[in-house]
Amino acid sequence: MGTQPRVVKVALLTQQQCAFCEQAKEVLERLSAEYPLFVRVLELNSTEGRIVAEQSGIFFPPGILLDGDSFSYGRVSERKLRQEIERRLSLTS
C-alpha cells in the first residue's frame, strides 16, 4: 500500500484593503501550481484568524504559517517561501 504524498499546509492571514495580502495570494497561487500545497486564507478580524494570530505571534498581514509554524509577515519573498517549501518537501521524500 502506497503512502500519501506530502502536502504542505499553508495558512495565510489577511485583512481587507491590503496590497501585500493580494501579492501573497498571487504568490501562493503560482506556487500551488508547482507544489502540493493546501492553502487556507483566514481574515485577521475573524474569530479563527485572531486565534491563529495569537498562537503564532503574527499580528500584521499578510501572515504566513507553514504546517502551523510561523514563516513570515508583511511582504512575502517568493524565493524564500519556495526554498522553505522545497526544504519541507525534501524532508519527507
PDB file of N, CA and C in Angstrom:
ATOM      1  N   MET A   1       0.842  -1.179   0.000  1.00  0.00           N
ATOM      2  CA  MET A   1       0.000   0.000   0.000  1.00  0.00           C
ATOM      3  C   MET A   1       0.887   1.241   0.000  1.00  0.00           C
ATOM      4  N   GLY A   2       0.644   2.202  -0.928  1.00  0.00           N
ATOM      5  CA  GLY A   2       1.458   3.409  -1.047  1.00  0.00           C
ATOM      6  C   GLY A   2       1.130   4.426   0.033  1.00  0.00           C
ATOM      7  N   THR A   3       2.072   5.288   0.261  1.00  0.00           N
ATOM      8  CA  THR A   3       1.845   6.345   1.245  1.00  0.00           C
ATOM      9  C   THR A   3       1.287   7.580   0.548  1.00  0.00           C
ATOM     10  N   GLN A   4       0.585   8.383   1.304  1.00  0.00           N
ATOM     11  CA  GLN A   4       0.045   9.635   0.784  1.00  0.00           C
ATOM     12  C   GLN A   4       1.198  10.592   0.473  1.00  0.00           C
ATOM     13  N   PRO A   5       1.119  11.327  -0.636  1.00  0.00           N
ATOM     14  CA  PRO A   5       2.160  12.314  -0.912  1.00  0.00           C
ATOM     15  C   PRO A   5       2.112  13.428   0.128  1.00  0.00           C
ATOM     16  N   ARG A   6       3.250  13.990   0.413  1.00  0.00           N
ATOM     17  CA  ARG A   6       3.371  15.062   1.405  1.00  0.00           C
ATOM     18  C   ARG A   6       2.715  16.326   0.862  1.00  0.00           C
ATOM     19  N   VAL A   7       1.930  16.971   1.700  1.00  0.00           N
ATOM     20  CA  VAL A   7       1.305  18.246   1.359  1.00  0.00           C
ATOM     21  C   VAL A   7       1.720  19.260   2.413  1.00  0.00           C
ATOM     22  N   VAL A   8       2.145  20.426   1.979  1.00  0.00           N
ATOM     23  CA  VAL A   8       2.496  21.491   2.913  1.00  0.00           C
ATOM     24  C   VAL A   8       1.224  22.302   3.172  1.00  0.00           C
ATOM     25  N   LYS A   9       0.868  22.420   4.445  1.00  0.00           N
ATOM     26  CA  LYS A   9      -0.323  23.177   4.830  1.00  0.00           C
ATOM     27  C   LYS A   9       0.078  24.633   5.056  1.00  0.00           C
ATOM     28  N   VAL A  10      -0.594  25.517   4.322  1.00  0.00           N
ATOM     29  CA  VAL A  10      -0.292  26.943   4.378  1.00  0.00           C
ATOM     30  C   VAL A  10      -1.516  27.681   4.916  1.00  0.00           C
ATOM     31  N   ALA A  11      -1.298  28.504   5.934  1.00  0.00           N
ATOM     32  CA  ALA A  11      -2.341  29.406   6.412  1.00  0.00           C
ATOM     33  C   ALA A  11      -1.888  30.818   6.089  1.00  0.00           C
ATOM     34  N   LEU A  12      -2.767  31.583   5.453  1.00  0.00           N
ATOM     35  CA  LEU A  12      -2.479  32.956   5.087  1.00  0.00           C
ATOM     36  C   LEU A  12      -3.425  33.864   5.859  1.00  0.00           C
ATOM     37  N   LEU A  13      -2.872  34.685   6.727  1.00  0.00           N
ATOM     38  CA  LEU A  13      -3.658  35.648   7.496  1.00  0.00           C
ATOM     39  C   LEU A  13      -3.708  36.961   6.720  1.00  0.00           C
ATOM     40  N   THR A  14      -4.923  37.425   6.423  1.00  0.00           N
ATOM     41  CA  THR A  14      -5.088  38.614   5.596  1.00  0.00           C
ATOM     42  C   THR A  14      -6.035  39.612   6.260  1.00  0.00           C
ATOM     43  N   GLN A  15      -6.125  40.773   5.632  1.00  0.00           N
ATOM     44  CA  GLN A  15      -7.159  41.735   6.009  1.00  0.00           C
ATOM     45  C   GLN A  15      -7.591  42.480   4.760  1.00  0.00           C
ATOM     46  N   GLN A  16      -8.718  43.149   4.849  1.00  0.00           N
ATOM     47  CA  GLN A  16      -9.261  43.904   3.716  1.00  0.00           C
ATOM     48  C   GLN A  16      -8.324  45.048   3.331  1.00  0.00           C
ATOM     49  N   GLN A  17      -8.346  45.399   2.054  1.00  0.00           N
ATOM     50  CA  GLN A  17      -7.586  46.528   1.509  1.00  0.00           C
ATOM     51  C   GLN A  17      -6.097  46.462   1.870  1.00  0.00           C
ATOM     52  N   CYS A  18      -5.512  45.289   1.666  1.00  0.00           N
ATOM     53  CA  CYS A  18      -4.097  45.059   1.987  1.00  0.00           C
ATOM     54  C   CYS A  18      -3.389  44.625   0.698  1.00  0.00           C
ATOM     55  N   ALA A  19      -2.598  45.521   0.123  1.00  0.00           N
ATOM     56  CA  ALA A  19      -1.917  45.216  -1.140  1.00  0.00           C
ATOM     57  C   ALA A  19      -0.945  44.053  -0.989  1.00  0.00           C
ATOM     58  N   PHE A  20      -0.239  43.978   0.136  1.00  0.00           N
ATOM     59  CA  PHE A  20       0.691  42.868   0.340  1.00  0.00           C
ATOM     60  C   PHE A  20      -0.065  41.538   0.471  1.00  0.00           C
ATOM     61  N   CYS A  21      -1.289  41.586   0.993  1.00  0.00           N
ATOM     62  CA  CYS A  21      -2.110  40.365   1.094  1.00  0.00           C
ATOM     63  C   CYS A  21      -2.454  39.850  -0.301  1.00  0.00           C
ATOM     64  N   GLU A  22      -2.803  40.760  -1.199  1.00  0.00           N
ATOM     65  CA  GLU A  22      -3.120  40.370  -2.569  1.00  0.00           C
ATOM     66  C   GLU A  22      -1.879  39.787  -3.244  1.00  0.00           C
ATOM     67  N   GLN A  23      -0.724  40.393  -3.003  1.00  0.00           N
ATOM     68  CA  GLN A  23       0.529  39.885  -3.577  1.00  0.00           C
ATOM     69  C   GLN A  23       0.816  38.489  -3.029  1.00  0.00           C
ATOM     70  N   ALA A  24       0.591  38.272  -1.735  1.00  0.00           N
ATOM     71  CA  ALA A  24       0.830  36.957  -1.128  1.00  0.00           C
ATOM     72  C   ALA A  24      -0.099  35.908  -1.735  1.00  0.00           C
ATOM     73  N   LYS A  25      -1.353  36.269  -1.979  1.00  0.00           N
ATOM     74  CA  LYS A  25      -2.305  35.336  -2.610  1.00  0.00           C
ATOM     75  C   LYS A  25      -1.821  34.946  -4.004  1.00  0.00           C
ATOM     76  N   GLU A  26      -1.309  35.918  -4.757  1.00  0.00           N
ATOM     77  CA  GLU A  26      -0.806  35.637  -6.103  1.00  0.00           C
ATOM     78  C   GLU A  26       0.408  34.706  -6.048  1.00  0.00           C
ATOM     79  N   VAL A  27       1.312  34.959  -5.114  1.00  0.00           N
ATOM     80  CA  VAL A  27       2.496  34.101  -4.956  1.00  0.00           C
ATOM     81  C   VAL A  27       2.059  32.680  -4.615  1.00  0.00           C
ATOM     82  N   LEU A  28       1.145  32.535  -3.676  1.00  0.00           N
ATOM     83  CA  LEU A  28       0.693  31.200  -3.273  1.00  0.00           C
ATOM     84  C   LEU A  28      -0.054  30.495  -4.407  1.00  0.00           C
ATOM     85  N   GLU A  29      -0.775  31.242  -5.213  1.00  0.00           N
ATOM     86  CA  GLU A  29      -1.457  30.644  -6.362  1.00  0.00           C
ATOM     87  C   GLU A  29      -0.431  30.080  -7.351  1.00  0.00           C
ATOM     88  N   ARG A  30       0.633  30.843  -7.613  1.00  0.00           N
ATOM     89  CA  ARG A  30       1.703  30.354  -8.511  1.00  0.00           C
ATOM     90  C   ARG A  30       2.370  29.110  -7.933  1.00  0.00           C
ATOM     91  N   LEU A  31       2.715  29.161  -6.649  1.00  0.00           N
ATOM     92  CA  LEU A  31       3.417  28.038  -6.027  1.00  0.00           C
ATOM     93  C   LEU A  31       2.521  26.804  -5.926  1.00  0.00           C
ATOM     94  N   SER A  32       1.219  27.014  -5.775  1.00  0.00           N
ATOM     95  CA  SER A  32       0.286  25.879  -5.709  1.00  0.00           C
ATOM     96  C   SER A  32       0.251  25.097  -7.012  1.00  0.00           C
ATOM     97  N   ALA A  33       0.591  25.750  -8.107  1.00  0.00           N
ATOM     98  CA  ALA A  33       0.634  25.061  -9.399  1.00  0.00           C
ATOM     99  C   ALA A  33       1.873  24.176  -9.506  1.00  0.00           C
ATOM    100  N   GLU A  34       2.886  24.444  -8.674  1.00  0.00           N
ATOM    101  CA  GLU A  34       4.146  23.700  -8.734  1.00  0.00           C
ATOM    102  C   GLU A  34       4.330  22.698  -7.600  1.00  0.00           C
ATOM    103  N   TYR A  35       3.738  22.980  -6.455  1.00  0.00           N
ATOM    104  CA  TYR A  35       3.963  22.165  -5.256  1.00  0.00           C
ATOM    105  C   TYR A  35       2.637  21.719  -4.658  1.00  0.00           C
ATOM    106  N   PRO A  36       2.649  20.600  -3.932  1.00  0.00           N
ATOM    107  CA  PRO A  36       1.421  20.145  -3.268  1.00  0.00           C
ATOM    108  C   PRO A  36       1.158  20.976  -2.006  1.00  0.00           C
ATOM    109  N   LEU A  37       0.333  22.014  -2.170  1.00  0.00           N
ATOM    110  CA  LEU A  37       0.010  22.907  -1.063  1.00  0.00           C
ATOM    111  C   LEU A  37      -1.479  22.837  -0.756  1.00  0.00           C
ATOM    112  N   PHE A  38      -1.803  22.937   0.512  1.00  0.00           N
ATOM    113  CA  PHE A  38      -3.182  23.117   0.948  1.00  0.00           C
ATOM    114  C   PHE A  38      -3.222  24.491   1.591  1.00  0.00           C
ATOM    115  N   VAL A  39      -3.857  25.450   0.907  1.00  0.00           N
ATOM    116  CA  VAL A  39      -3.837  26.845   1.352  1.00  0.00           C
ATOM    117  C   VAL A  39      -5.186  27.222   1.962  1.00  0.00           C
ATOM    118  N   ARG A  40      -5.120  27.774   3.176  1.00  0.00           N
ATOM    119  CA  ARG A  40      -6.303  28.329   3.844  1.00  0.00           C
ATOM    120  C   ARG A  40      -6.066  29.823   4.029  1.00  0.00           C
ATOM    121  N   VAL A  41      -7.038  30.618   3.621  1.00  0.00           N
ATOM    122  CA  VAL A  41      -6.964  32.066   3.798  1.00  0.00           C
ATOM    123  C   VAL A  41      -7.877  32.429   4.963  1.00  0.00           C
ATOM    124  N   LEU A  42      -7.302  33.099   5.950  1.00  0.00           N
ATOM    125  CA  LEU A  42      -8.055  33.497   7.143  1.00  0.00           C
ATOM    126  C   LEU A  42      -7.989  35.006   7.306  1.00  0.00           C
ATOM    127  N   GLU A  43      -9.124  35.632   7.520  1.00  0.00           N
ATOM    128  CA  GLU A  43      -9.160  37.059   7.813  1.00  0.00           C
ATOM    129  C   GLU A  43      -8.691  37.269   9.249  1.00  0.00           C
ATOM    130  N   LEU A  44      -7.789  38.213   9.448  1.00  0.00           N
ATOM    131  CA  LEU A  44      -7.292  38.503  10.793  1.00  0.00           C
ATOM    132  C   LEU A  44      -8.405  38.937  11.737  1.00  0.00           C
ATOM    133  N   ASN A  45      -9.453  39.557  11.207  1.00  0.00           N
ATOM    134  CA  ASN A  45     -10.514  40.027  12.081  1.00  0.00           C
ATOM    135  C   ASN A  45     -11.597  38.973  12.347  1.00  0.00           C
ATOM    136  N   SER A  46     -11.411  37.746  11.831  1.00  0.00           N
ATOM    137  CA  SER A  46     -12.343  36.661  12.137  1.00  0.00           C
ATOM    138  C   SER A  46     -11.922  36.001  13.454  1.00  0.00           C
ATOM    139  N   THR A  47     -12.827  35.263  14.041  1.00  0.00           N
ATOM    140  CA  THR A  47     -12.508  34.571  15.297  1.00  0.00           C
ATOM    141  C   THR A  47     -11.337  33.619  15.105  1.00  0.00           C
ATOM    142  N   GLU A  48     -11.411  32.788  14.059  1.00  0.00           N
ATOM    143  CA  GLU A  48     -10.333  31.829  13.803  1.00  0.00           C
ATOM    144  C   GLU A  48      -9.024  32.549  13.480  1.00  0.00           C
ATOM    145  N   GLY A  49      -9.104  33.624  12.696  1.00  0.00           N
ATOM    146  CA  GLY A  49      -7.913  34.386  12.356  1.00  0.00           C
ATOM    147  C   GLY A  49      -7.239  34.974  13.588  1.00  0.00           C
ATOM    148  N   ARG A  50      -8.032  35.498  14.517  1.00  0.00           N
ATOM    149  CA  ARG A  50      -7.462  36.061  15.755  1.00  0.00           C
ATOM    150  C   ARG A  50      -6.804  34.975  16.597  1.00  0.00           C
ATOM    151  N   ILE A  51      -7.425  33.805  16.654  1.00  0.00           N
ATOM    152  CA  ILE A  51      -6.846  32.692  17.429  1.00  0.00           C
ATOM    153  C   ILE A  51      -5.510  32.269  16.827  1.00  0.00           C
ATOM    154  N   VAL A  52      -5.470  32.091  15.504  1.00  0.00           N
ATOM    155  CA  VAL A  52      -4.235  31.688  14.828  1.00  0.00           C
ATOM    156  C   VAL A  52      -3.161  32.758  15.015  1.00  0.00           C
ATOM    157  N   ALA A  53      -3.542  34.027  14.895  1.00  0.00           N
ATOM    158  CA  ALA A  53      -2.581  35.121  15.068  1.00  0.00           C
ATOM    159  C   ALA A  53      -2.008  35.113  16.482  1.00  0.00           C
ATOM    160  N   GLU A  54      -2.868  34.928  17.458  1.00  0.00           N
ATOM    161  CA  GLU A  54      -2.409  34.914  18.850  1.00  0.00           C
ATOM    162  C   GLU A  54      -1.472  33.740  19.113  1.00  0.00           C
ATOM    163  N   GLN A  55      -1.820  32.565  18.615  1.00  0.00           N
ATOM    164  CA  GLN A  55      -0.986  31.376  18.833  1.00  0.00           C
ATOM    165  C   GLN A  55       0.349  31.469  18.109  1.00  0.00           C
ATOM    166  N   SER A  56       0.360  32.112  16.952  1.00  0.00           N
ATOM    167  CA  SER A  56       1.582  32.176  16.138  1.00  0.00           C
ATOM    168  C   SER A  56       2.425  33.410  16.412  1.00  0.00           C
ATOM    169  N   GLY A  57       1.821  34.422  17.016  1.00  0.00           N
ATOM    170  CA  GLY A  57       2.543  35.668  17.232  1.00  0.00           C
ATOM    171  C   GLY A  57       2.615  36.539  15.988  1.00  0.00           C
ATOM    172  N   ILE A  58       1.788  36.254  14.999  1.00  0.00           N
ATOM    173  CA  ILE A  58       1.748  37.047  13.769  1.00  0.00           C
ATOM    174  C   ILE A  58       0.520  37.949  13.840  1.00  0.00           C
ATOM    175  N   PHE A  59       0.755  39.253  13.969  1.00  0.00           N
ATOM    176  CA  PHE A  59      -0.351  40.189  14.109  1.00  0.00           C
ATOM    177  C   PHE A  59      -0.444  41.190  12.963  1.00  0.00           C
ATOM    178  N   PHE A  60       0.479  41.098  11.985  1.00  0.00           N
ATOM    179  CA  PHE A  60       0.494  42.022  10.867  1.00  0.00           C
ATOM    180  C   PHE A  60       0.311  41.243   9.568  1.00  0.00           C
ATOM    181  N   PRO A  61      -0.628  41.667   8.741  1.00  0.00           N
ATOM    182  CA  PRO A  61      -0.873  40.949   7.495  1.00  0.00           C
ATOM    183  C   PRO A  61       0.136  41.326   6.410  1.00  0.00           C
ATOM    184  N   PRO A  62       0.308  40.491   5.447  1.00  0.00           N
ATOM    185  CA  PRO A  62      -0.140  39.112   5.460  1.00  0.00           C
ATOM    186  C   PRO A  62       0.789  38.265   6.328  1.00  0.00           C
ATOM    187  N   GLY A  63       0.216  37.347   7.029  1.00  0.00           N
ATOM    188  CA  GLY A  63       0.997  36.412   7.828  1.00  0.00           C
ATOM    189  C   GLY A  63       0.931  35.042   7.192  1.00  0.00           C
ATOM    190  N   ILE A  64       2.054  34.354   7.135  1.00  0.00           N
ATOM    191  CA  ILE A  64       2.090  33.016   6.534  1.00  0.00           C
ATOM    192  C   ILE A  64       2.599  32.022   7.560  1.00  0.00           C
ATOM    193  N   LEU A  65       1.850  30.936   7.704  1.00  0.00           N
ATOM    194  CA  LEU A  65       2.267  29.810   8.536  1.00  0.00           C
ATOM    195  C   LEU A  65       2.394  28.596   7.631  1.00  0.00           C
ATOM    196  N   LEU A  66       3.444  27.819   7.826  1.00  0.00           N
ATOM    197  CA  LEU A  66       3.653  26.581   7.078  1.00  0.00           C
ATOM    198  C   LEU A  66       3.581  25.429   8.066  1.00  0.00           C
ATOM    199  N   ASP A  67       2.645  24.540   7.850  1.00  0.00           N
ATOM    200  CA  ASP A  67       2.439  23.400   8.746  1.00  0.00           C
ATOM    201  C   ASP A  67       2.295  23.857  10.199  1.00  0.00           C
ATOM    202  N   GLY A  68       1.652  25.003  10.393  1.00  0.00           N
ATOM    203  CA  GLY A  68       1.419  25.522  11.727  1.00  0.00           C
ATOM    204  C   GLY A  68       2.564  26.342  12.307  1.00  0.00           C
ATOM    205  N   ASP A  69       3.695  26.412  11.597  1.00  0.00           N
ATOM    206  CA  ASP A  69       4.855  27.171  12.061  1.00  0.00           C
ATOM    207  C   ASP A  69       4.853  28.561  11.429  1.00  0.00           C
ATOM    208  N   SER A  70       5.126  29.586  12.228  1.00  0.00           N
ATOM    209  CA  SER A  70       5.232  30.943  11.691  1.00  0.00           C
ATOM    210  C   SER A  70       6.344  30.978  10.654  1.00  0.00           C
ATOM    211  N   PHE A  71       6.042  31.539   9.486  1.00  0.00           N
ATOM    212  CA  PHE A  71       7.056  31.680   8.447  1.00  0.00           C
ATOM    213  C   PHE A  71       7.401  33.153   8.223  1.00  0.00           C
ATOM    214  N   SER A  72       6.388  33.986   7.993  1.00  0.00           N
ATOM    215  CA  SER A  72       6.667  35.389   7.720  1.00  0.00           C
ATOM    216  C   SER A  72       5.427  36.240   7.921  1.00  0.00           C
ATOM    217  N   TYR A  73       5.653  37.543   7.955  1.00  0.00           N
ATOM    218  CA  TYR A  73       4.561  38.503   7.909  1.00  0.00           C
ATOM    219  C   TYR A  73       5.037  39.705   7.115  1.00  0.00           C
ATOM    220  N   GLY A  74       4.091  40.468   6.611  1.00  0.00           N
ATOM    221  CA  GLY A  74       4.440  41.573   5.721  1.00  0.00           C
ATOM    222  C   GLY A  74       4.684  41.046   4.312  1.00  0.00           C
ATOM    223  N   ARG A  75       5.354  41.843   3.512  1.00  0.00           N
ATOM    224  CA  ARG A  75       5.591  41.464   2.111  1.00  0.00           C
ATOM    225  C   ARG A  75       6.331  40.134   2.040  1.00  0.00           C
ATOM    226  N   VAL A  76       5.775  39.196   1.279  1.00  0.00           N
ATOM    227  CA  VAL A  76       6.344  37.848   1.203  1.00  0.00           C
ATOM    228  C   VAL A  76       7.431  37.787   0.124  1.00  0.00           C
ATOM    229  N   SER A  77       8.501  37.057   0.439  1.00  0.00           N
ATOM    230  CA  SER A  77       9.555  36.792  -0.532  1.00  0.00           C
ATOM    231  C   SER A  77       9.243  35.447  -1.186  1.00  0.00           C
ATOM    232  N   GLU A  78       8.916  35.487  -2.479  1.00  0.00           N
ATOM    233  CA  GLU A  78       8.595  34.245  -3.185  1.00  0.00           C
ATOM    234  C   GLU A  78       9.782  33.284  -3.160  1.00  0.00           C
ATOM    235  N   ARG A  79      10.981  33.817  -3.299  1.00  0.00           N
ATOM    236  CA  ARG A  79      12.183  32.971  -3.298  1.00  0.00           C
ATOM    237  C   ARG A  79      12.338  32.243  -1.965  1.00  0.00           C
ATOM    238  N   LYS A  80      12.214  32.961  -0.862  1.00  0.00           N
ATOM    239  CA  LYS A  80      12.362  32.336   0.459  1.00  0.00           C
ATOM    240  C   LYS A  80      11.244  31.342   0.733  1.00  0.00           C
ATOM    241  N   LEU A  81      10.029  31.679   0.315  1.00  0.00           N
ATOM    242  CA  LEU A  81       8.900  30.770   0.516  1.00  0.00           C
ATOM    243  C   LEU A  81       9.102  29.494  -0.301  1.00  0.00           C
ATOM    244  N   ARG A  82       9.532  29.648  -1.537  1.00  0.00           N
ATOM    245  CA  ARG A  82       9.808  28.492  -2.404  1.00  0.00           C
ATOM    246  C   ARG A  82      10.885  27.593  -1.783  1.00  0.00           C
ATOM    247  N   GLN A  83      11.951  28.212  -1.281  1.00  0.00           N
ATOM    248  CA  GLN A  83      13.037  27.428  -0.664  1.00  0.00           C
ATOM    249  C   GLN A  83      12.534  26.650   0.550  1.00  0.00           C
ATOM    250  N   GLU A  84      11.713  27.281   1.376  1.00  0.00           N
ATOM    251  CA  GLU A  84      11.213  26.604   2.573  1.00  0.00           C
ATOM    252  C   GLU A  84      10.251  25.484   2.207  1.00  0.00           C
ATOM    253  N   ILE A  85       9.417  25.692   1.220  1.00  0.00           N
ATOM    254  CA  ILE A  85       8.508  24.632   0.771  1.00  0.00           C
ATOM    255  C   ILE A  85       9.318  23.449   0.248  1.00  0.00           C
ATOM    256  N   GLU A  86      10.326  23.724  -0.567  1.00  0.00           N
ATOM    257  CA  GLU A  86      11.166  22.649  -1.101  1.00  0.00           C
ATOM    258  C   GLU A  86      11.882  21.918   0.019  1.00  0.00           C
ATOM    259  N   ARG A  87      12.359  22.654   1.010  1.00  0.00           N
ATOM    260  CA  ARG A  87      13.037  22.031   2.167  1.00  0.00           C
ATOM    261  C   ARG A  87      12.076  21.100   2.904  1.00  0.00           C
ATOM    262  N   ARG A  88      10.864  21.570   3.152  1.00  0.00           N
ATOM    263  CA  ARG A  88       9.904  20.739   3.867  1.00  0.00           C
ATOM    264  C   ARG A  88       9.515  19.498   3.074  1.00  0.00           C
ATOM    265  N   LEU A  89       9.362  19.655   1.771  1.00  0.00           N
ATOM    266  CA  LEU A  89       9.006  18.500   0.935  1.00  0.00           C
ATOM    267  C   LEU A  89      10.159  17.511   0.845  1.00  0.00           C
ATOM    268  N   SER A  90      11.388  17.984   0.860  1.00  0.00           N
ATOM    269  CA  SER A  90      12.535  17.080   0.751  1.00  0.00           C
ATOM    270  C   SER A  90      12.757  16.282   2.037  1.00  0.00           C
ATOM    271  N   LEU A  91      12.278  16.787   3.160  1.00  0.00           N
ATOM    272  CA  LEU A  91      12.434  16.080   4.434  1.00  0.00           C
ATOM    273  C   LEU A  91      11.637  14.780   4.472  1.00  0.00           C
ATOM    274  N   THR A  92      10.593  14.714   3.642  1.00  0.00           N
ATOM    275  CA  THR A  92       9.725  13.535   3.683  1.00  0.00           C
ATOM    276  C   THR A  92       9.836  12.658   2.457  1.00  0.00           C
ATOM    277  N   SER A  93      10.719  13.019   1.522  1.00  0.00           N
ATOM    278  CA  SER A  93      10.815  12.190   0.308  1.00  0.00           C
ATOM    279  C   SER A  93      11.899  11.151   0.434  1.00  0.00           C
TER     280      SER A  93
END
